[in-house]
Amino acid sequence: MSYTLLVLLSITAPAADSKEANPQADLATAIPHALALIQADEFENFIRHYAVPKELEKILGQKTLEELVRGFAKDHAARVALLLEEIQDKQPKLSADGNIAQYPIDLKNFSRKQLVFEKIGGLWYLRN
């Protein structure tokens, strides 16, 4: 490849935006990413990525991350995976500012009627 062609390619190649590379930047990628983490038993990564940061900080003031991960794995992971599977092809109801996305839940035996994501600092977090 000629030097001139390399220079032209480098000028026209889009710069990699860190938000574009982060699956949490868009709901269309955040939901399958969150689901994949749970399905791979990567509960700590799921919690670190998708728990609302202030809520996670508050919880970690009361218990260790290891305790939180064990409790999530035992009591919540299967249910959250099922909910994420349920919503992944649905369109959310967005708040006026676009920072809250509410997905209706139509599953039997679930007390929650919606799953809520919140956009904080350009990234989506699971608020429930």
C-alpha atoms as a PDB file:
ATOM      1  CA  MET A   1       0.000   0.000   0.000  1.00  0.00           C
ATOM      2  CA  SER A   2       1.407   3.376  -0.905  1.00  0.00           C
ATOM      3  CA  TYR A   3       2.249   6.026   1.650  1.00  0.00           C
ATOM      4  CA  THR A   4      -0.238   8.463   0.062  1.00  0.00           C
ATOM      5  CA  LEU A   5      -3.059   5.943   0.384  1.00  0.00           C
ATOM      6  CA  LEU A   6      -2.190   5.326   4.038  1.00  0.00           C
ATOM      7  CA  VAL A   7      -2.297   9.055   4.736  1.00  0.00           C
ATOM      8  CA  LEU A   8      -5.651   9.405   2.976  1.00  0.00           C
ATOM      9  CA  LEU A   9      -7.083   6.467   4.900  1.00  0.00           C
ATOM     10  CA  SER A  10      -5.917   7.905   8.210  1.00  0.00           C
ATOM     11  CA  ILE A  11      -7.490  11.280   7.409  1.00  0.00           C
ATOM     12  CA  THR A  12     -10.844   9.832   6.383  1.00  0.00           C
ATOM     13  CA  ALA A  13     -11.036   7.079   9.002  1.00  0.00           C
ATOM     14  CA  PRO A  14     -13.468   8.013  11.761  1.00  0.00           C
ATOM     15  CA  ALA A  15     -11.941   8.577  15.152  1.00  0.00           C
ATOM     16  CA  ALA A  16     -12.891   5.975  17.719  1.00  0.00           C
ATOM     17  CA  ASP A  17     -15.198   7.589  20.244  1.00  0.00           C
ATOM     18  CA  SER A  18     -15.013   5.943  23.654  1.00  0.00           C
ATOM     19  CA  LYS A  19     -18.786   6.285  24.074  1.00  0.00           C
ATOM     20  CA  GLU A  20     -19.397   4.474  20.778  1.00  0.00           C
ATOM     21  CA  ALA A  21     -17.151   1.647  21.919  1.00  0.00           C
ATOM     22  CA  ASN A  22     -18.960   1.320  25.244  1.00  0.00           C
ATOM     23  CA  PRO A  23     -22.069  -0.870  24.949  1.00  0.00           C
ATOM     24  CA  GLN A  24     -23.720   1.146  27.741  1.00  0.00           C
ATOM     25  CA  ALA A  25     -23.857   4.226  25.512  1.00  0.00           C
ATOM     26  CA  ASP A  26     -26.912   2.918  23.646  1.00  0.00           C
ATOM     27  CA  LEU A  27     -29.853   0.858  24.874  1.00  0.00           C
ATOM     28  CA  ALA A  28     -29.700  -1.286  21.731  1.00  0.00           C
ATOM     29  CA  THR A  29     -26.273  -2.542  22.837  1.00  0.00           C
ATOM     30  CA  ALA A  30     -26.579  -2.138  26.624  1.00  0.00           C
ATOM     31  CA  ILE A  31     -29.413  -4.633  27.012  1.00  0.00           C
ATOM     32  CA  PRO A  32     -27.766  -7.511  25.093  1.00  0.00           C
ATOM     33  CA  HIS A  33     -24.455  -6.721  26.812  1.00  0.00           C
ATOM     34  CA  ALA A  34     -26.056  -6.840  30.266  1.00  0.00           C
ATOM     35  CA  LEU A  35     -27.803 -10.095  29.364  1.00  0.00           C
ATOM     36  CA  ALA A  36     -24.577 -11.620  28.039  1.00  0.00           C
ATOM     37  CA  LEU A  37     -22.754 -10.769  31.275  1.00  0.00           C
ATOM     38  CA  ILE A  38     -25.406 -12.523  33.346  1.00  0.00           C
ATOM     39  CA  GLN A  39     -25.571 -15.536  31.025  1.00  0.00           C
ATOM     40  CA  ALA A  40     -21.781 -15.864  31.295  1.00  0.00           C
ATOM     41  CA  ASP A  41     -22.041 -15.756  35.111  1.00  0.00           C
ATOM     42  CA  GLU A  42     -20.064 -12.505  35.113  1.00  0.00           C
ATOM     43  CA  PHE A  43     -22.184 -11.121  37.923  1.00  0.00           C
ATOM     44  CA  GLU A  44     -19.508  -8.806  39.315  1.00  0.00           C
ATOM     45  CA  ASN A  45     -19.016  -7.202  35.886  1.00  0.00           C
ATOM     46  CA  PHE A  46     -22.769  -6.892  35.476  1.00  0.00           C
ATOM     47  CA  ILE A  47     -23.089  -5.140  38.839  1.00  0.00           C
ATOM     48  CA  ARG A  48     -20.103  -2.862  38.206  1.00  0.00           C
ATOM     49  CA  HIS A  49     -21.422  -1.862  34.776  1.00  0.00           C
ATOM     50  CA  TYR A  50     -25.177  -1.684  35.248  1.00  0.00           C
ATOM     51  CA  ALA A  51     -25.891  -0.769  38.874  1.00  0.00           C
ATOM     52  CA  VAL A  52     -26.630   2.944  39.283  1.00  0.00           C
ATOM     53  CA  PRO A  53     -23.298   4.283  40.611  1.00  0.00           C
ATOM     54  CA  LYS A  54     -24.710   6.162  43.623  1.00  0.00           C
ATOM     55  CA  GLU A  55     -26.874   3.195  44.610  1.00  0.00           C
ATOM     56  CA  LEU A  56     -23.932   0.821  44.269  1.00  0.00           C
ATOM     57  CA  GLU A  57     -21.783   3.092  46.418  1.00  0.00           C
ATOM     58  CA  LYS A  58     -24.491   3.158  49.093  1.00  0.00           C
ATOM     59  CA  ILE A  59     -24.872  -0.643  49.062  1.00  0.00           C
ATOM     60  CA  LEU A  60     -21.112  -1.144  49.244  1.00  0.00           C
ATOM     61  CA  GLY A  61     -21.129   0.951  52.409  1.00  0.00           C
ATOM     62  CA  GLN A  62     -23.212  -1.811  53.994  1.00  0.00           C
ATOM     63  CA  LYS A  63     -21.758  -5.006  52.470  1.00  0.00           C
ATOM     64  CA  THR A  64     -18.777  -6.155  50.455  1.00  0.00           C
ATOM     65  CA  LEU A  65     -18.828  -6.539  46.692  1.00  0.00           C
ATOM     66  CA  GLU A  66     -18.363 -10.279  47.156  1.00  0.00           C
ATOM     67  CA  GLU A  67     -21.481 -10.451  49.366  1.00  0.00           C
ATOM     68  CA  LEU A  68     -23.432  -8.413  46.840  1.00  0.00           C
ATOM     69  CA  VAL A  69     -22.334 -10.660  43.969  1.00  0.00           C
ATOM     70  CA  ARG A  70     -23.219 -13.841  45.895  1.00  0.00           C
ATOM     71  CA  GLY A  71     -26.667 -12.483  46.748  1.00  0.00           C
ATOM     72  CA  PHE A  72     -27.285 -11.361  43.169  1.00  0.00           C
ATOM     73  CA  ALA A  73     -26.193 -14.733  41.772  1.00  0.00           C
ATOM     74  CA  LYS A  74     -28.386 -16.636  44.203  1.00  0.00           C
ATOM     75  CA  ASP A  75     -31.519 -14.489  44.312  1.00  0.00           C
ATOM     76  CA  HIS A  76     -31.693 -12.188  41.286  1.00  0.00           C
ATOM     77  CA  ALA A  77     -29.565 -13.198  38.291  1.00  0.00           C
ATOM     78  CA  ALA A  78     -32.018 -15.631  36.698  1.00  0.00           C
ATOM     79  CA  ARG A  79     -34.939 -13.205  37.076  1.00  0.00           C
ATOM     80  CA  VAL A  80     -32.988 -10.236  35.696  1.00  0.00           C
ATOM     81  CA  ALA A  81     -31.836 -12.326  32.726  1.00  0.00           C
ATOM     82  CA  LEU A  82     -35.428 -13.299  32.016  1.00  0.00           C
ATOM     83  CA  LEU A  83     -36.529  -9.655  32.189  1.00  0.00           C
ATOM     84  CA  LEU A  84     -33.728  -8.533  29.883  1.00  0.00           C
ATOM     85  CA  GLU A  85     -34.676 -11.252  27.393  1.00  0.00           C
ATOM     86  CA  GLU A  86     -38.279 -10.044  27.560  1.00  0.00           C
ATOM     87  CA  ILE A  87     -37.432  -6.415  26.734  1.00  0.00           C
ATOM     88  CA  GLN A  88     -34.516  -6.706  24.318  1.00  0.00           C
ATOM     89  CA  ASP A  89     -36.692  -6.392  21.213  1.00  0.00           C
ATOM     90  CA  LYS A  90     -39.115  -3.824  22.631  1.00  0.00           C
ATOM     91  CA  GLN A  91     -39.111  -0.051  22.331  1.00  0.00           C
ATOM     92  CA  PRO A  92     -39.061   1.817  25.645  1.00  0.00           C
ATOM     93  CA  LYS A  93     -41.161   4.735  26.721  1.00  0.00           C
ATOM     94  CA  LEU A  94     -38.618   7.533  27.058  1.00  0.00           C
ATOM     95  CA  SER A  95     -38.862  10.475  29.420  1.00  0.00           C
ATOM     96  CA  ALA A  96     -39.045  13.964  27.913  1.00  0.00           C
ATOM     97  CA  ASP A  97     -35.306  14.495  28.457  1.00  0.00           C
ATOM     98  CA  GLY A  98     -34.470  11.022  27.097  1.00  0.00           C
ATOM     99  CA  ASN A  99     -32.659   9.933  30.262  1.00  0.00           C
ATOM    100  CA  ILE A 100     -35.222   7.433  31.570  1.00  0.00           C
ATOM    101  CA  ALA A 101     -36.311   4.418  29.528  1.00  0.00           C
ATOM    102  CA  GLN A 102     -39.244   2.360  30.786  1.00  0.00           C
ATOM    103  CA  TYR A 103     -39.907  -1.079  29.339  1.00  0.00           C
ATOM    104  CA  PRO A 104     -43.245  -2.773  30.056  1.00  0.00           C
ATOM    105  CA  ILE A 105     -43.007  -6.271  31.497  1.00  0.00           C
ATOM    106  CA  ASP A 106     -45.651  -8.789  30.452  1.00  0.00           C
ATOM    107  CA  LEU A 107     -44.463 -11.838  32.375  1.00  0.00           C
ATOM    108  CA  LYS A 108     -46.644 -13.802  34.764  1.00  0.00           C
ATOM    109  CA  ASN A 109     -45.583 -14.131  38.408  1.00  0.00           C
ATOM    110  CA  PHE A 110     -43.595 -10.896  38.365  1.00  0.00           C
ATOM    111  CA  SER A 111     -44.626  -8.083  40.650  1.00  0.00           C
ATOM    112  CA  ARG A 112     -42.836  -5.480  38.550  1.00  0.00           C
ATOM    113  CA  LYS A 113     -44.696  -4.150  35.569  1.00  0.00           C
ATOM    114  CA  GLN A 114     -41.716  -2.354  34.050  1.00  0.00           C
ATOM    115  CA  LEU A 115     -37.947  -2.394  33.847  1.00  0.00           C
ATOM    116  CA  VAL A 116     -36.287   1.006  34.028  1.00  0.00           C
ATOM    117  CA  PHE A 117     -32.947   2.152  32.661  1.00  0.00           C
ATOM    118  CA  GLU A 118     -31.466   5.541  33.507  1.00  0.00           C
ATOM    119  CA  LYS A 119     -28.887   7.427  31.477  1.00  0.00           C
ATOM    120  CA  ILE A 120     -26.178   8.951  33.665  1.00  0.00           C
ATOM    121  CA  GLY A 121     -23.147  10.631  32.150  1.00  0.00           C
ATOM    122  CA  GLY A 122     -24.010   9.266  28.710  1.00  0.00           C
ATOM    123  CA  LEU A 123     -24.271   5.636  29.887  1.00  0.00           C
ATOM    124  CA  TRP A 124     -27.322   3.485  30.644  1.00  0.00           C
ATOM    125  CA  TYR A 125     -27.787   1.839  34.045  1.00  0.00           C
ATOM    126  CA  LEU A 126     -30.472  -0.531  35.305  1.00  0.00           C
ATOM    127  CA  ARG A 127     -32.435   1.444  37.882  1.00  0.00           C
ATOM    128  CA  ASN A 128     -34.684  -1.248  39.330  1.00  0.00           C
END
